[in-house]
């Protein structure tokens, strides 16, 4: 058990590259972290970290140990799950990552029902734009992502989860809010709030505008914001428009705080995807995927 804990200490330091942060995360002192790393280096007779002042980085041996440690912890997790499954229980730790649309608006209701059924499963949810969630997957900081967009990372396997529609919205006071639709050329003259580079939503919008002969660079961008909630709040107080998921603005549309403005010839539909690293099969992410798909069909 002591050796396993030392590997856990090493893994935490290796992922954070910071002894202080690792100590806080593990609820032990920094000298204790240093001692455990030293004991591992004595055991393997190699240096695991190179230290340059306050900065550290993994040595070649450290990178090898990190790879094997992650494989070992994955085996432990799968073993625990399989044993609990035989006993009629489900437990373990599931690290989810959600895009800035799926994280706040799609996942939480599913997560609440999942937790009600599988109370022994410890779940964490990290949010970021699609590229950040994909990077977190590659860094093995999360087990499963729920993202959107047209990009395809070859190291990631994508599974369709749900459908979505992106609509152009404004506040009711906007001069164009009373029109049933606008022409694509008019869209170029409207101040727009857009998501930041790396956003799956921005990528989908760019893809949908191509058949209309419109590039993102031709749009009148008032501002790029990295949060759907910031865009929504800004929109209430500005004569701008924004492309947003219907899931993100459903309440505001019901309360008549926003209006949908149709653009002739433009319909933006997309899929949300589960994202997992290629070649990885872990019981808890698979369990959540099956549960979420069933929940989505209700």
C-alpha atoms as a PDB file:
ATOM      1  CA  UNK A   1       0.000   0.000   0.000  1.00  0.00           C
ATOM      2  CA  UNK A   2       2.879   2.370   0.782  1.00  0.00           C
ATOM      3  CA  UNK A   3       4.416   1.762  -2.634  1.00  0.00           C
ATOM      4  CA  UNK A   4       1.040   2.334  -4.331  1.00  0.00           C
ATOM      5  CA  UNK A   5       0.667   5.612  -2.468  1.00  0.00           C
ATOM      6  CA  UNK A   6       4.155   6.685  -3.520  1.00  0.00           C
ATOM      7  CA  UNK A   7       3.159   6.009  -7.122  1.00  0.00           C
ATOM      8  CA  UNK A   8       0.057   8.142  -6.558  1.00  0.00           C
ATOM      9  CA  UNK A   9       2.256  10.940  -5.171  1.00  0.00           C
ATOM     10  CA  UNK A  10       4.570  10.627  -8.170  1.00  0.00           C
ATOM     11  CA  UNK A  11       1.628  10.659 -10.596  1.00  0.00           C
ATOM     12  CA  UNK A  12       0.172  13.798  -9.029  1.00  0.00           C
ATOM     13  CA  UNK A  13       3.521  15.623  -9.115  1.00  0.00           C
ATOM     14  CA  UNK A  14       4.142  14.464 -12.684  1.00  0.00           C
ATOM     15  CA  UNK A  15       0.774  15.796 -13.870  1.00  0.00           C
ATOM     16  CA  UNK A  16       1.018  19.104 -11.997  1.00  0.00           C
ATOM     17  CA  UNK A  17       4.822  19.564 -12.203  1.00  0.00           C
ATOM     18  CA  UNK A  18       4.513  21.337  -8.891  1.00  0.00           C
ATOM     19  CA  UNK A  19       5.275  19.873  -5.450  1.00  0.00           C
ATOM     20  CA  UNK A  20       3.151  22.423  -3.592  1.00  0.00           C
ATOM     21  CA  UNK A  21       0.053  21.804  -5.713  1.00  0.00           C
ATOM     22  CA  UNK A  22       0.528  18.054  -5.424  1.00  0.00           C
ATOM     23  CA  UNK A  23       0.786  18.307  -1.636  1.00  0.00           C
ATOM     24  CA  UNK A  24      -2.458  20.305  -1.475  1.00  0.00           C
ATOM     25  CA  UNK A  25      -4.270  17.872  -3.739  1.00  0.00           C
ATOM     26  CA  UNK A  26      -3.110  14.867  -1.719  1.00  0.00           C
ATOM     27  CA  UNK A  27      -3.664  16.547   1.681  1.00  0.00           C
ATOM     28  CA  UNK A  28      -0.099  15.887   2.805  1.00  0.00           C
ATOM     29  CA  UNK A  29       2.823  18.207   3.513  1.00  0.00           C
ATOM     30  CA  UNK A  30       5.297  19.288   0.836  1.00  0.00           C
ATOM     31  CA  UNK A  31       8.220  17.643   2.711  1.00  0.00           C
ATOM     32  CA  UNK A  32       6.210  14.395   2.673  1.00  0.00           C
ATOM     33  CA  UNK A  33       5.802  14.700  -1.104  1.00  0.00           C
ATOM     34  CA  UNK A  34       9.542  15.261  -1.477  1.00  0.00           C
ATOM     35  CA  UNK A  35      10.284  12.249   0.747  1.00  0.00           C
ATOM     36  CA  UNK A  36       8.015   9.922  -1.272  1.00  0.00           C
ATOM     37  CA  UNK A  37       9.629  11.005  -4.550  1.00  0.00           C
ATOM     38  CA  UNK A  38      13.091  10.523  -3.040  1.00  0.00           C
ATOM     39  CA  UNK A  39      12.153   6.997  -1.884  1.00  0.00           C
ATOM     40  CA  UNK A  40      10.952   6.129  -5.393  1.00  0.00           C
ATOM     41  CA  UNK A  41      14.182   7.442  -6.912  1.00  0.00           C
ATOM     42  CA  UNK A  42      16.181   5.317  -4.444  1.00  0.00           C
ATOM     43  CA  UNK A  43      14.031   2.290  -5.250  1.00  0.00           C
ATOM     44  CA  UNK A  44      14.432   2.582  -9.031  1.00  0.00           C
ATOM     45  CA  UNK A  45      17.986   4.015  -8.807  1.00  0.00           C
ATOM     46  CA  UNK A  46      17.137   6.784 -11.309  1.00  0.00           C
ATOM     47  CA  UNK A  47      16.204  10.452 -11.207  1.00  0.00           C
ATOM     48  CA  UNK A  48      12.529  11.056 -11.931  1.00  0.00           C
ATOM     49  CA  UNK A  49      12.586  14.858 -12.085  1.00  0.00           C
ATOM     50  CA  UNK A  50      15.061  17.485 -13.190  1.00  0.00           C
ATOM     51  CA  UNK A  51      14.944  20.550 -10.964  1.00  0.00           C
ATOM     52  CA  UNK A  52      15.801  24.051 -12.169  1.00  0.00           C
ATOM     53  CA  UNK A  53      15.150  26.465  -9.331  1.00  0.00           C
ATOM     54  CA  UNK A  54      11.435  26.285  -8.583  1.00  0.00           C
ATOM     55  CA  UNK A  55      10.653  24.541 -11.891  1.00  0.00           C
ATOM     56  CA  UNK A  56      10.692  20.797 -12.414  1.00  0.00           C
ATOM     57  CA  UNK A  57      10.307  18.543 -15.431  1.00  0.00           C
ATOM     58  CA  UNK A  58      10.183  14.803 -15.943  1.00  0.00           C
ATOM     59  CA  UNK A  59      13.344  12.946 -16.876  1.00  0.00           C
ATOM     60  CA  UNK A  60      13.250  10.148 -19.442  1.00  0.00           C
ATOM     61  CA  UNK A  61      12.835   7.694 -16.576  1.00  0.00           C
ATOM     62  CA  UNK A  62      10.080   9.876 -15.128  1.00  0.00           C
ATOM     63  CA  UNK A  63       8.157   9.817 -18.406  1.00  0.00           C
ATOM     64  CA  UNK A  64       8.437   6.028 -18.565  1.00  0.00           C
ATOM     65  CA  UNK A  65       7.227   5.683 -14.977  1.00  0.00           C
ATOM     66  CA  UNK A  66       4.320   8.070 -15.676  1.00  0.00           C
ATOM     67  CA  UNK A  67       3.204   5.955 -18.622  1.00  0.00           C
ATOM     68  CA  UNK A  68       3.293   2.733 -16.600  1.00  0.00           C
ATOM     69  CA  UNK A  69       1.676   4.376 -13.569  1.00  0.00           C
ATOM     70  CA  UNK A  70      -1.290   5.534 -15.673  1.00  0.00           C
ATOM     71  CA  UNK A  71      -1.661   2.031 -17.119  1.00  0.00           C
ATOM     72  CA  UNK A  72      -1.472   0.555 -13.622  1.00  0.00           C
ATOM     73  CA  UNK A  73      -4.070   2.937 -12.173  1.00  0.00           C
ATOM     74  CA  UNK A  74      -6.342   2.207 -15.141  1.00  0.00           C
ATOM     75  CA  UNK A  75      -6.034  -1.518 -14.395  1.00  0.00           C
ATOM     76  CA  UNK A  76      -6.836  -0.881 -10.718  1.00  0.00           C
ATOM     77  CA  UNK A  77      -9.878   1.151 -11.687  1.00  0.00           C
ATOM     78  CA  UNK A  78     -11.125  -1.512 -14.082  1.00  0.00           C
ATOM     79  CA  UNK A  79     -10.499  -4.242 -11.509  1.00  0.00           C
ATOM     80  CA  UNK A  80     -12.455  -2.384  -8.841  1.00  0.00           C
ATOM     81  CA  UNK A  81     -15.304  -1.741 -11.251  1.00  0.00           C
ATOM     82  CA  UNK A  82     -15.505  -5.359 -12.410  1.00  0.00           C
ATOM     83  CA  UNK A  83     -15.474  -6.688  -8.823  1.00  0.00           C
ATOM     84  CA  UNK A  84     -18.141  -4.207  -7.770  1.00  0.00           C
ATOM     85  CA  UNK A  85     -20.158  -5.109 -10.856  1.00  0.00           C
ATOM     86  CA  UNK A  86     -20.114  -8.770  -9.818  1.00  0.00           C
ATOM     87  CA  UNK A  87     -21.258  -7.705  -6.362  1.00  0.00           C
ATOM     88  CA  UNK A  88     -24.074  -5.641  -7.854  1.00  0.00           C
ATOM     89  CA  UNK A  89     -22.364  -2.347  -7.043  1.00  0.00           C
ATOM     90  CA  UNK A  90     -20.774   0.402  -9.096  1.00  0.00           C
ATOM     91  CA  UNK A  91     -18.071   2.585  -7.638  1.00  0.00           C
ATOM     92  CA  UNK A  92     -14.902   4.388  -8.626  1.00  0.00           C
ATOM     93  CA  UNK A  93     -13.918   7.769  -9.999  1.00  0.00           C
ATOM     94  CA  UNK A  94     -15.176   9.182 -13.291  1.00  0.00           C
ATOM     95  CA  UNK A  95     -13.615  12.376 -14.702  1.00  0.00           C
ATOM     96  CA  UNK A  96     -15.821  14.053 -17.286  1.00  0.00           C
ATOM     97  CA  UNK A  97     -15.028  16.995 -19.524  1.00  0.00           C
ATOM     98  CA  UNK A  98     -17.737  19.108 -21.109  1.00  0.00           C
ATOM     99  CA  UNK A  99     -17.551  21.817 -23.750  1.00  0.00           C
ATOM    100  CA  UNK A 100     -18.870  25.297 -22.939  1.00  0.00           C
ATOM    101  CA  UNK A 101     -22.262  24.239 -24.327  1.00  0.00           C
ATOM    102  CA  UNK A 102     -22.550  20.657 -23.112  1.00  0.00           C
ATOM    103  CA  UNK A 103     -20.944  21.376 -19.711  1.00  0.00           C
ATOM    104  CA  UNK A 104     -23.504  23.883 -18.375  1.00  0.00           C
ATOM    105  CA  UNK A 105     -26.625  22.929 -20.348  1.00  0.00           C
ATOM    106  CA  UNK A 106     -26.568  19.262 -21.402  1.00  0.00           C
ATOM    107  CA  UNK A 107     -24.609  17.238 -18.867  1.00  0.00           C
ATOM    108  CA  UNK A 108     -25.889  18.433 -15.416  1.00  0.00           C
ATOM    109  CA  UNK A 109     -29.447  16.975 -15.653  1.00  0.00           C
ATOM    110  CA  UNK A 110     -28.010  13.652 -16.835  1.00  0.00           C
ATOM    111  CA  UNK A 111     -25.360  13.787 -14.120  1.00  0.00           C
ATOM    112  CA  UNK A 112     -27.989  14.340 -11.415  1.00  0.00           C
ATOM    113  CA  UNK A 113     -29.891  11.211 -12.494  1.00  0.00           C
ATOM    114  CA  UNK A 114     -26.650   9.250 -12.887  1.00  0.00           C
ATOM    115  CA  UNK A 115     -25.569  10.167  -9.349  1.00  0.00           C
ATOM    116  CA  UNK A 116     -28.985   9.203  -7.980  1.00  0.00           C
ATOM    117  CA  UNK A 117     -28.581   5.704  -9.442  1.00  0.00           C
ATOM    118  CA  UNK A 118     -24.820   5.261  -8.902  1.00  0.00           C
ATOM    119  CA  UNK A 119     -24.131   7.111  -5.671  1.00  0.00           C
ATOM    120  CA  UNK A 120     -20.820   5.336  -5.052  1.00  0.00           C
ATOM    121  CA  UNK A 121     -19.317   6.692  -8.282  1.00  0.00           C
ATOM    122  CA  UNK A 122     -17.343   9.865  -7.649  1.00  0.00           C
ATOM    123  CA  UNK A 123     -17.772  12.194 -10.627  1.00  0.00           C
ATOM    124  CA  UNK A 124     -15.920  15.397 -11.471  1.00  0.00           C
ATOM    125  CA  UNK A 125     -16.863  17.652 -14.387  1.00  0.00           C
ATOM    126  CA  UNK A 126     -14.360  19.993 -16.029  1.00  0.00           C
ATOM    127  CA  UNK A 127     -15.466  22.535 -18.635  1.00  0.00           C
ATOM    128  CA  UNK A 128     -13.554  24.203 -21.467  1.00  0.00           C
ATOM    129  CA  UNK A 129     -13.889  24.738 -25.180  1.00  0.00           C
ATOM    130  CA  UNK A 130     -13.774  21.707 -27.454  1.00  0.00           C
ATOM    131  CA  UNK A 131     -10.041  21.921 -28.179  1.00  0.00           C
ATOM    132  CA  UNK A 132      -9.285  22.246 -24.439  1.00  0.00           C
ATOM    133  CA  UNK A 133     -11.398  19.178 -23.631  1.00  0.00           C
ATOM    134  CA  UNK A 134      -9.679  17.195 -26.384  1.00  0.00           C
ATOM    135  CA  UNK A 135      -6.294  18.279 -24.997  1.00  0.00           C
ATOM    136  CA  UNK A 136      -7.368  17.186 -21.505  1.00  0.00           C
ATOM    137  CA  UNK A 137      -8.232  13.765 -22.940  1.00  0.00           C
ATOM    138  CA  UNK A 138      -4.814  13.458 -24.568  1.00  0.00           C
ATOM    139  CA  UNK A 139      -3.179  14.503 -21.283  1.00  0.00           C
ATOM    140  CA  UNK A 140      -5.300  11.859 -19.516  1.00  0.00           C
ATOM    141  CA  UNK A 141      -6.685  14.503 -17.169  1.00  0.00           C
ATOM    142  CA  UNK A 142     -10.227  13.311 -17.948  1.00  0.00           C
ATOM    143  CA  UNK A 143     -11.721   9.938 -18.919  1.00  0.00           C
ATOM    144  CA  UNK A 144     -14.532  11.067 -21.209  1.00  0.00           C
ATOM    145  CA  UNK A 145     -15.400  14.279 -23.037  1.00  0.00           C
ATOM    146  CA  UNK A 146     -18.701  15.558 -24.429  1.00  0.00           C
ATOM    147  CA  UNK A 147     -17.925  18.018 -27.215  1.00  0.00           C
ATOM    148  CA  UNK A 148     -19.168  19.584 -30.449  1.00  0.00           C
ATOM    149  CA  UNK A 149     -17.565  20.709 -33.675  1.00  0.00           C
ATOM    150  CA  UNK A 150     -16.344  19.396 -37.020  1.00  0.00           C
ATOM    151  CA  UNK A 151     -12.672  18.873 -36.147  1.00  0.00           C
ATOM    152  CA  UNK A 152     -11.430  15.318 -35.859  1.00  0.00           C
ATOM    153  CA  UNK A 153      -8.422  14.484 -33.731  1.00  0.00           C
ATOM    154  CA  UNK A 154      -7.036  11.127 -34.989  1.00  0.00           C
ATOM    155  CA  UNK A 155      -6.124  10.047 -31.458  1.00  0.00           C
ATOM    156  CA  UNK A 156      -9.743  10.428 -30.297  1.00  0.00           C
ATOM    157  CA  UNK A 157     -12.781   8.264 -31.033  1.00  0.00           C
ATOM    158  CA  UNK A 158     -16.038  10.211 -31.437  1.00  0.00           C
ATOM    159  CA  UNK A 159     -19.496   8.730 -30.818  1.00  0.00           C
ATOM    160  CA  UNK A 160     -22.654  10.672 -31.657  1.00  0.00           C
ATOM    161  CA  UNK A 161     -24.579  11.553 -28.501  1.00  0.00           C
ATOM    162  CA  UNK A 162     -27.312  14.097 -29.329  1.00  0.00           C
ATOM    163  CA  UNK A 163     -28.429  16.627 -31.918  1.00  0.00           C
ATOM    164  CA  UNK A 164     -28.380  20.393 -31.509  1.00  0.00           C
ATOM    165  CA  UNK A 165     -29.297  23.485 -33.497  1.00  0.00           C
ATOM    166  CA  UNK A 166     -27.491  26.814 -33.433  1.00  0.00           C
ATOM    167  CA  UNK A 167     -29.715  29.853 -33.900  1.00  0.00           C
ATOM    168  CA  UNK A 168     -29.100  33.560 -34.383  1.00  0.00           C
ATOM    169  CA  UNK A 169     -30.629  35.496 -31.473  1.00  0.00           C
ATOM    170  CA  UNK A 170     -30.980  39.093 -30.352  1.00  0.00           C
ATOM    171  CA  UNK A 171     -32.764  40.925 -27.571  1.00  0.00           C
ATOM    172  CA  UNK A 172     -36.346  42.007 -28.450  1.00  0.00           C
ATOM    173  CA  UNK A 173     -35.314  45.678 -28.755  1.00  0.00           C
ATOM    174  CA  UNK A 174     -32.991  45.019 -31.697  1.00  0.00           C
ATOM    175  CA  UNK A 175     -34.087  46.893 -34.856  1.00  0.00           C
ATOM    176  CA  UNK A 176     -34.153  43.624 -36.832  1.00  0.00           C
ATOM    177  CA  UNK A 177     -35.955  41.605 -34.152  1.00  0.00           C
ATOM    178  CA  UNK A 178     -39.391  42.137 -35.735  1.00  0.00           C
ATOM    179  CA  UNK A 179     -38.321  40.826 -39.148  1.00  0.00           C
ATOM    180  CA  UNK A 180     -39.152  37.215 -39.943  1.00  0.00           C
ATOM    181  CA  UNK A 181     -35.765  36.740 -41.573  1.00  0.00           C
ATOM    182  CA  UNK A 182     -32.750  38.567 -42.927  1.00  0.00           C
ATOM    183  CA  UNK A 183     -30.651  38.040 -46.035  1.00  0.00           C
ATOM    184  CA  UNK A 184     -27.129  36.604 -45.766  1.00  0.00           C
ATOM    185  CA  UNK A 185     -25.705  39.948 -46.953  1.00  0.00           C
ATOM    186  CA  UNK A 186     -27.481  41.716 -44.068  1.00  0.00           C
ATOM    187  CA  UNK A 187     -25.735  39.369 -41.639  1.00  0.00           C
ATOM    188  CA  UNK A 188     -22.411  40.941 -42.589  1.00  0.00           C
ATOM    189  CA  UNK A 189     -23.636  44.319 -41.293  1.00  0.00           C
ATOM    190  CA  UNK A 190     -24.861  43.105 -37.890  1.00  0.00           C
ATOM    191  CA  UNK A 191     -22.501  43.455 -34.899  1.00  0.00           C
ATOM    192  CA  UNK A 192     -21.969  39.896 -33.688  1.00  0.00           C
ATOM    193  CA  UNK A 193     -20.764  38.320 -30.480  1.00  0.00           C
ATOM    194  CA  UNK A 194     -18.737  35.232 -31.302  1.00  0.00           C
ATOM    195  CA  UNK A 195     -16.982  32.518 -29.338  1.00  0.00           C
ATOM    196  CA  UNK A 196     -13.195  32.343 -29.162  1.00  0.00           C
ATOM    197  CA  UNK A 197     -10.856  30.388 -31.479  1.00  0.00           C
ATOM    198  CA  UNK A 198     -10.863  26.716 -30.462  1.00  0.00           C
ATOM    199  CA  UNK A 199     -14.605  26.784 -29.785  1.00  0.00           C
ATOM    200  CA  UNK A 200     -16.570  23.956 -31.382  1.00  0.00           C
ATOM    201  CA  UNK A 201     -19.515  26.325 -31.841  1.00  0.00           C
ATOM    202  CA  UNK A 202     -17.387  28.826 -33.776  1.00  0.00           C
ATOM    203  CA  UNK A 203     -16.050  26.017 -35.954  1.00  0.00           C
ATOM    204  CA  UNK A 204     -19.574  24.795 -36.782  1.00  0.00           C
ATOM    205  CA  UNK A 205     -20.734  28.344 -37.625  1.00  0.00           C
ATOM    206  CA  UNK A 206     -17.781  28.855 -39.979  1.00  0.00           C
ATOM    207  CA  UNK A 207     -18.564  25.539 -41.701  1.00  0.00           C
ATOM    208  CA  UNK A 208     -22.269  26.415 -42.104  1.00  0.00           C
ATOM    209  CA  UNK A 209     -21.578  29.867 -43.574  1.00  0.00           C
ATOM    210  CA  UNK A 210     -19.297  28.551 -46.356  1.00  0.00           C
ATOM    211  CA  UNK A 211     -22.159  27.528 -48.722  1.00  0.00           C
ATOM    212  CA  UNK A 212     -23.492  31.090 -48.430  1.00  0.00           C
ATOM    213  CA  UNK A 213     -20.123  32.443 -49.502  1.00  0.00           C
ATOM    214  CA  UNK A 214     -19.485  34.077 -46.135  1.00  0.00           C
ATOM    215  CA  UNK A 215     -16.230  33.823 -44.181  1.00  0.00           C
ATOM    216  CA  UNK A 216     -15.868  34.585 -40.485  1.00  0.00           C
ATOM    217  CA  UNK A 217     -13.461  37.379 -41.419  1.00  0.00           C
ATOM    218  CA  UNK A 218     -16.296  39.089 -43.330  1.00  0.00           C
ATOM    219  CA  UNK A 219     -18.552  39.257 -40.277  1.00  0.00           C
ATOM    220  CA  UNK A 220     -18.783  42.383 -38.186  1.00  0.00           C
ATOM    221  CA  UNK A 221     -17.408  40.947 -34.964  1.00  0.00           C
ATOM    222  CA  UNK A 222     -18.088  43.180 -31.985  1.00  0.00           C
ATOM    223  CA  UNK A 223     -16.302  40.898 -29.551  1.00  0.00           C
ATOM    224  CA  UNK A 224     -15.153  37.311 -29.026  1.00  0.00           C
ATOM    225  CA  UNK A 225     -15.956  35.862 -25.619  1.00  0.00           C
ATOM    226  CA  UNK A 226     -14.960  32.466 -24.216  1.00  0.00           C
ATOM    227  CA  UNK A 227     -18.201  31.896 -22.324  1.00  0.00           C
ATOM    228  CA  UNK A 228     -21.762  31.351 -23.525  1.00  0.00           C
ATOM    229  CA  UNK A 229     -23.070  32.903 -20.312  1.00  0.00           C
ATOM    230  CA  UNK A 230     -21.027  36.076 -20.915  1.00  0.00           C
ATOM    231  CA  UNK A 231     -22.409  36.289 -24.439  1.00  0.00           C
ATOM    232  CA  UNK A 232     -25.960  35.849 -23.137  1.00  0.00           C
ATOM    233  CA  UNK A 233     -25.540  38.560 -20.509  1.00  0.00           C
ATOM    234  CA  UNK A 234     -23.876  40.966 -22.972  1.00  0.00           C
ATOM    235  CA  UNK A 235     -26.650  40.343 -25.478  1.00  0.00           C
ATOM    236  CA  UNK A 236     -29.351  41.553 -23.100  1.00  0.00           C
ATOM    237  CA  UNK A 237     -27.762  45.009 -22.955  1.00  0.00           C
ATOM    238  CA  UNK A 238     -26.483  45.488 -26.490  1.00  0.00           C
ATOM    239  CA  UNK A 239     -27.797  45.879 -30.068  1.00  0.00           C
ATOM    240  CA  UNK A 240     -25.796  42.802 -31.096  1.00  0.00           C
ATOM    241  CA  UNK A 241     -26.701  39.331 -32.237  1.00  0.00           C
ATOM    242  CA  UNK A 242     -25.116  35.992 -31.446  1.00  0.00           C
ATOM    243  CA  UNK A 243     -25.167  32.423 -32.703  1.00  0.00           C
ATOM    244  CA  UNK A 244     -26.039  30.203 -29.745  1.00  0.00           C
ATOM    245  CA  UNK A 245     -27.240  26.658 -29.095  1.00  0.00           C
ATOM    246  CA  UNK A 246     -31.008  26.393 -28.591  1.00  0.00           C
ATOM    247  CA  UNK A 247     -30.171  24.388 -25.452  1.00  0.00           C
ATOM    248  CA  UNK A 248     -28.343  27.415 -24.041  1.00  0.00           C
ATOM    249  CA  UNK A 249     -31.168  29.912 -24.637  1.00  0.00           C
ATOM    250  CA  UNK A 250     -34.320  27.820 -24.177  1.00  0.00           C
ATOM    251  CA  UNK A 251     -35.367  29.602 -20.962  1.00  0.00           C
ATOM    252  CA  UNK A 252     -34.654  33.062 -22.383  1.00  0.00           C
ATOM    253  CA  UNK A 253     -36.712  32.263 -25.490  1.00  0.00           C
ATOM    254  CA  UNK A 254     -39.604  31.056 -23.333  1.00  0.00           C
ATOM    255  CA  UNK A 255     -39.387  34.248 -21.250  1.00  0.00           C
ATOM    256  CA  UNK A 256     -39.214  36.325 -24.454  1.00  0.00           C
ATOM    257  CA  UNK A 257     -35.878  37.838 -23.451  1.00  0.00           C
ATOM    258  CA  UNK A 258     -34.422  36.825 -26.830  1.00  0.00           C
ATOM    259  CA  UNK A 259     -35.784  36.541 -30.343  1.00  0.00           C
ATOM    260  CA  UNK A 260     -34.605  34.105 -33.017  1.00  0.00           C
ATOM    261  CA  UNK A 261     -33.655  35.839 -36.265  1.00  0.00           C
ATOM    262  CA  UNK A 262     -33.769  33.499 -39.270  1.00  0.00           C
ATOM    263  CA  UNK A 263     -31.153  33.917 -42.013  1.00  0.00           C
ATOM    264  CA  UNK A 264     -32.355  32.905 -45.478  1.00  0.00           C
ATOM    265  CA  UNK A 265     -30.701  29.697 -46.619  1.00  0.00           C
ATOM    266  CA  UNK A 266     -28.968  29.089 -43.289  1.00  0.00           C
ATOM    267  CA  UNK A 267     -29.739  26.239 -40.942  1.00  0.00           C
ATOM    268  CA  UNK A 268     -27.042  25.215 -38.504  1.00  0.00           C
ATOM    269  CA  UNK A 269     -27.456  21.716 -37.126  1.00  0.00           C
ATOM    270  CA  UNK A 270     -24.749  19.741 -35.409  1.00  0.00           C
ATOM    271  CA  UNK A 271     -24.123  16.752 -33.197  1.00  0.00           C
ATOM    272  CA  UNK A 272     -22.749  16.532 -29.705  1.00  0.00           C
ATOM    273  CA  UNK A 273     -20.194  13.739 -29.373  1.00  0.00           C
ATOM    274  CA  UNK A 274     -18.738  11.540 -26.687  1.00  0.00           C
ATOM    275  CA  UNK A 275     -14.957  11.722 -27.052  1.00  0.00           C
ATOM    276  CA  UNK A 276     -12.592   9.004 -25.808  1.00  0.00           C
ATOM    277  CA  UNK A 277      -8.986   8.179 -26.576  1.00  0.00           C
ATOM    278  CA  UNK A 278      -8.589   5.612 -29.329  1.00  0.00           C
ATOM    279  CA  UNK A 279      -7.994   2.085 -28.083  1.00  0.00           C
ATOM    280  CA  UNK A 280      -9.128   2.779 -24.511  1.00  0.00           C
ATOM    281  CA  UNK A 281     -11.999   0.854 -22.977  1.00  0.00           C
ATOM    282  CA  UNK A 282     -12.841   1.779 -19.405  1.00  0.00           C
ATOM    283  CA  UNK A 283     -15.967   0.530 -17.612  1.00  0.00           C
ATOM    284  CA  UNK A 284     -17.082   3.764 -15.919  1.00  0.00           C
ATOM    285  CA  UNK A 285     -16.954   6.000 -19.024  1.00  0.00           C
ATOM    286  CA  UNK A 286     -18.794   3.266 -20.954  1.00  0.00           C
ATOM    287  CA  UNK A 287     -21.389   3.028 -18.191  1.00  0.00           C
ATOM    288  CA  UNK A 288     -21.961   6.788 -18.268  1.00  0.00           C
ATOM    289  CA  UNK A 289     -22.216   6.811 -22.079  1.00  0.00           C
ATOM    290  CA  UNK A 290     -24.890   4.098 -22.045  1.00  0.00           C
ATOM    291  CA  UNK A 291     -26.774   5.852 -19.250  1.00  0.00           C
ATOM    292  CA  UNK A 292     -26.627   9.243 -21.018  1.00  0.00           C
ATOM    293  CA  UNK A 293     -27.851   7.737 -24.310  1.00  0.00           C
ATOM    294  CA  UNK A 294     -30.816   6.139 -22.542  1.00  0.00           C
ATOM    295  CA  UNK A 295     -31.544   9.410 -20.746  1.00  0.00           C
ATOM    296  CA  UNK A 296     -31.411  11.304 -24.033  1.00  0.00           C
ATOM    297  CA  UNK A 297     -33.978   8.981 -25.635  1.00  0.00           C
ATOM    298  CA  UNK A 298     -36.601   9.685 -22.948  1.00  0.00           C
END
